[in-house]
Protein backbone atom coordinates (compact mmCIF):
# COMPACT_ATOMS: atom_id res chain seq x y z
CA MET A 1 76.54 -3.10 35.71
CA ILE A 2 74.22 -3.22 32.70
CA ASP A 3 73.17 0.35 33.42
CA PHE A 4 76.82 1.40 33.29
CA LEU A 5 77.38 -0.45 30.00
CA THR A 6 74.22 1.01 28.50
CA THR A 7 74.89 4.54 29.75
CA TYR A 8 78.36 4.63 28.24
CA ASN A 9 77.30 2.71 25.12
CA LEU A 10 79.58 -0.23 25.98
CA LEU A 11 77.03 -3.05 25.87
CA GLY A 12 77.95 -4.01 22.30
CA LEU A 13 81.62 -4.09 23.21
CA ALA A 14 80.92 -6.26 26.26
CA ILE A 15 78.84 -8.68 24.17
CA GLY A 16 81.61 -8.78 21.57
CA ILE A 17 84.20 -9.65 24.20
CA ALA A 18 81.91 -12.33 25.64
CA THR A 19 81.39 -13.74 22.13
CA PHE A 20 85.14 -13.88 21.60
CA PHE A 21 85.61 -15.88 24.81
CA ILE A 22 82.67 -18.20 24.08
CA ILE A 23 84.04 -19.06 20.65
CA GLY A 24 87.48 -19.54 22.18
CA LEU A 25 86.00 -21.90 24.76
CA PHE A 26 84.30 -24.04 22.13
CA HIS A 27 87.54 -24.72 20.23
CA PRO A 28 89.06 -27.04 22.87
CA VAL A 29 85.61 -28.46 23.70
CA VAL A 30 85.24 -29.68 20.11
CA ILE A 31 88.73 -31.17 20.14
CA LYS A 32 88.12 -33.02 23.41
CA ALA A 33 84.64 -34.16 22.37
CA GLU A 34 85.98 -35.65 19.13
CA TYR A 35 88.87 -37.27 20.99
CA TYR A 36 86.70 -39.01 23.57
CA TRP A 37 83.46 -39.67 21.65
CA GLY A 38 84.24 -39.21 17.97
CA LYS A 39 81.69 -37.92 15.48
CA ARG A 40 78.82 -39.60 17.28
CA CYS A 41 78.62 -36.75 19.82
CA TRP A 42 77.24 -34.27 17.27
CA TRP A 43 73.72 -34.67 18.61
CA LEU A 44 74.86 -33.37 22.03
CA PHE A 45 75.82 -30.10 20.38
CA LEU A 46 72.49 -30.08 18.54
CA ALA A 47 70.53 -30.61 21.77
CA ALA A 48 72.55 -27.95 23.58
CA GLY A 49 72.08 -25.52 20.68
CA ILE A 50 68.31 -26.02 20.65
CA THR A 51 68.22 -25.56 24.43
CA PHE A 52 70.16 -22.30 24.23
CA VAL A 53 67.94 -21.05 21.38
CA ALA A 54 64.92 -21.66 23.60
CA LEU A 55 66.61 -19.84 26.48
CA SER A 56 67.48 -16.95 24.18
CA VAL A 57 63.84 -16.62 23.17
CA VAL A 58 62.38 -16.71 26.69
CA ILE A 59 64.96 -14.55 28.51
CA LYS A 60 63.86 -10.92 28.57
CA ALA A 61 67.22 -9.28 29.34
CA ILE A 62 68.73 -8.36 25.97
CA TRP A 63 72.36 -8.92 26.99
CA LEU A 64 71.69 -12.37 28.48
CA SER A 65 69.43 -13.32 25.57
CA THR A 66 72.20 -12.33 23.17
CA ILE A 67 74.78 -14.41 25.02
CA MET A 68 72.42 -17.41 24.96
CA GLY A 69 72.07 -16.92 21.19
CA VAL A 70 75.84 -16.79 20.75
CA ILE A 71 76.22 -20.01 22.74
CA ALA A 72 73.43 -21.63 20.70
CA PHE A 73 75.04 -20.89 17.37
CA SER A 74 78.47 -21.84 18.69
CA CYS A 75 76.94 -25.23 19.49
CA PHE A 76 75.48 -25.46 15.98
CA TRP A 77 78.82 -24.52 14.42
CA SER A 78 80.50 -27.15 16.60
CA ILE A 79 78.51 -29.85 14.80
CA PHE A 80 80.31 -28.90 11.60
CA GLU A 81 83.62 -28.65 13.45
CA ILE A 82 83.26 -32.14 14.96
CA PHE A 83 83.23 -33.63 11.47
CA GLU A 84 86.09 -31.38 10.38
CA GLN A 85 88.07 -32.36 13.48
CA SER A 86 87.59 -35.99 12.57
CA LYS A 87 89.18 -35.25 9.17
CA ARG A 88 92.06 -33.43 10.87
CA VAL A 89 92.65 -36.46 13.10
CA ALA A 90 92.63 -38.74 10.05
CA LYS A 91 95.29 -36.52 8.47
CA GLY A 92 97.42 -36.83 11.60
CA TRP A 93 97.16 -33.18 12.59
CA PHE A 94 95.64 -34.13 15.96
CA PRO A 95 96.12 -37.30 18.01
CA ALA A 96 93.57 -40.09 17.75
CA ASN A 97 92.26 -41.69 20.92
CA PRO A 98 93.95 -45.11 21.12
CA LYS A 99 91.26 -46.43 23.48
CA ARG A 100 88.50 -45.83 20.93
CA THR A 101 88.35 -48.57 18.35
CA LYS A 102 87.44 -47.79 14.79
CA LYS A 103 84.57 -49.69 13.22
CA LYS A 104 85.62 -51.82 10.30
CA ASN A 105 83.73 -51.58 7.04
CA PRO A 106 82.20 -54.93 5.98
């Protein structure tokens, strides 16, 4: 398959399509993560991002290494989006989880 994509110069297009779907997948993941765990789950995205960076560095296949890099930086961007999602919930744009109690400021 990779030979076909390389021969017809379609590897960049295939990686672009994969990137589009990966970013699209992370949108609902961020929403669900903020709903169930709040902002405190940011470190999960950090750990996943670091893991995928390491995978991107050690994997020799350029297409798979690239996809791992895209996933890594989607995880890093999700850290920012978790905090933004929290603001969107506070504005009422997204539902808050009624089972999660908010900490009161002393």
